[in-house]
Amino acid sequence: MSVRNNTFSMRVQILDDNNEVTSSPITVIGRECWTLRKLVDAGDKGVSSLDNIGPRTSHYVYKLRGYGFAIETVHEKHGGDFPGSHARYRLHSKLHILSDMVRAAA
């Protein structure tokens, strides 16, 4: 899947705890779409840049939050040759997916 191609898009609506729509339709494209799809697929496990080396995950999460998506950041320590910490992101917004061109293209 080439995420440079902006034909990769998702159109969603955010739901409340009663599965009622709380947002107008939101369309995300490109890397934001790729990140949202990764978050949806990951569920409670969440997404880390360690799982997907290369993309600027934190930036795309920042942009998704601007649309109104509730995304948690958890800081995790790691060892190895370059010990430190990394962020793991978990999507807390429940979504109604209206269209998913990522799935169609995959």
Protein backbone atom coordinates (compact mmCIF):
# COMPACT_ATOMS: atom_id res chain seq x y z
CA MET A 1 0.00 0.00 0.00
CA SER A 2 1.41 3.35 -0.98
CA VAL A 3 0.35 5.94 1.58
CA ARG A 4 1.74 8.76 -0.53
CA ASN A 5 -1.30 8.32 -2.73
CA ASN A 6 -4.10 10.44 -1.27
CA THR A 7 -6.68 8.09 -2.75
CA PHE A 8 -6.29 6.22 0.55
CA SER A 9 -9.03 7.71 2.67
CA MET A 10 -11.46 6.92 5.45
CA ARG A 11 -14.71 8.69 6.20
CA VAL A 12 -15.90 8.18 9.77
CA GLN A 13 -18.14 9.57 12.46
CA ILE A 14 -17.36 9.57 16.18
CA LEU A 15 -19.84 7.76 18.43
CA ASP A 16 -20.66 8.26 22.11
CA ASP A 17 -20.95 5.48 24.71
CA ASN A 18 -24.51 4.76 23.51
CA ASN A 19 -23.30 4.38 19.90
CA GLU A 20 -25.00 7.64 18.94
CA VAL A 21 -23.27 9.81 16.34
CA THR A 22 -21.60 12.87 17.91
CA SER A 23 -19.73 14.30 14.92
CA SER A 24 -20.24 15.29 11.34
CA PRO A 25 -18.54 12.95 8.87
CA ILE A 26 -14.75 13.28 9.08
CA THR A 27 -12.57 12.40 6.09
CA VAL A 28 -8.91 11.59 6.67
CA ILE A 29 -6.47 10.94 3.84
CA GLY A 30 -2.86 9.88 3.30
CA ARG A 31 -0.74 9.23 6.39
CA GLU A 32 -3.50 10.34 8.75
CA CYS A 33 -5.72 7.70 7.16
CA TRP A 34 -2.96 5.10 7.47
CA THR A 35 -2.45 5.98 11.15
CA LEU A 36 -6.17 5.88 11.93
CA ARG A 37 -6.47 2.47 10.27
CA LYS A 38 -3.48 1.20 12.32
CA LEU A 39 -5.12 2.51 15.52
CA VAL A 40 -8.46 0.88 14.67
CA ASP A 41 -6.81 -2.44 13.81
CA ALA A 42 -4.60 -2.43 16.92
CA GLY A 43 -7.48 -2.02 19.37
CA ASP A 44 -6.38 -2.05 23.02
CA LYS A 45 -2.80 -3.03 22.06
CA GLY A 46 -2.26 0.39 20.56
CA VAL A 47 0.34 1.57 18.06
CA SER A 48 3.96 2.52 18.64
CA SER A 49 6.58 3.90 16.30
CA LEU A 50 8.65 0.88 17.33
CA ASP A 51 6.04 -1.26 15.54
CA ASN A 52 6.17 0.91 12.42
CA ILE A 53 9.65 2.33 11.96
CA GLY A 54 9.71 5.33 9.66
CA PRO A 55 6.42 7.21 9.78
CA ARG A 56 6.17 10.21 12.10
CA THR A 57 3.51 8.54 14.22
CA SER A 58 3.38 11.27 16.87
CA HIS A 59 2.73 13.93 14.22
CA TYR A 60 -0.11 11.99 12.59
CA VAL A 61 -1.65 11.31 16.01
CA TYR A 62 -1.43 15.05 16.73
CA LYS A 63 -3.25 15.78 13.48
CA LEU A 64 -5.93 13.15 14.21
CA ARG A 65 -6.54 14.70 17.62
CA GLY A 66 -7.23 17.95 15.80
CA TYR A 67 -10.20 16.24 14.11
CA GLY A 68 -11.56 15.35 17.55
CA PHE A 69 -10.39 11.75 17.95
CA ALA A 70 -9.62 10.73 21.55
CA ILE A 71 -6.16 9.14 21.44
CA GLU A 72 -4.26 8.23 24.61
CA THR A 73 -0.47 8.42 24.86
CA VAL A 74 1.28 5.93 27.16
CA HIS A 75 5.05 6.20 27.64
CA GLU A 76 6.87 2.85 27.77
CA LYS A 77 10.50 2.15 28.63
CA HIS A 78 12.60 -0.08 26.39
CA GLY A 79 16.08 -1.57 26.62
CA GLY A 80 18.44 -2.68 23.91
CA ASP A 81 21.43 -0.91 22.44
CA PHE A 82 19.67 2.45 22.75
CA PRO A 83 17.53 2.24 25.91
CA GLY A 84 14.98 4.93 26.57
CA SER A 85 11.27 5.33 26.19
CA HIS A 86 8.75 5.46 23.40
CA ALA A 87 5.08 6.35 23.11
CA ARG A 88 2.22 3.94 22.49
CA TYR A 89 -1.04 5.40 21.20
CA ARG A 90 -4.51 3.98 21.83
CA LEU A 91 -7.67 5.12 20.10
CA HIS A 92 -10.50 5.64 22.59
CA SER A 93 -13.04 7.14 20.20
CA LYS A 94 -15.65 4.70 18.99
CA LEU A 95 -16.12 5.07 15.25
CA HIS A 96 -18.77 4.44 12.65
CA ILE A 97 -16.83 3.86 9.43
CA LEU A 98 -18.73 5.25 6.47
CA SER A 99 -16.11 4.40 3.84
CA ASP A 100 -12.66 2.85 3.99
CA MET A 101 -10.57 3.11 0.83
CA VAL A 102 -7.62 1.56 2.71
CA ARG A 103 -9.49 -1.72 3.02
CA ALA A 104 -10.70 -1.52 -0.57
CA ALA A 105 -7.16 -1.00 -1.87
CA ALA A 106 -5.48 -3.61 0.35
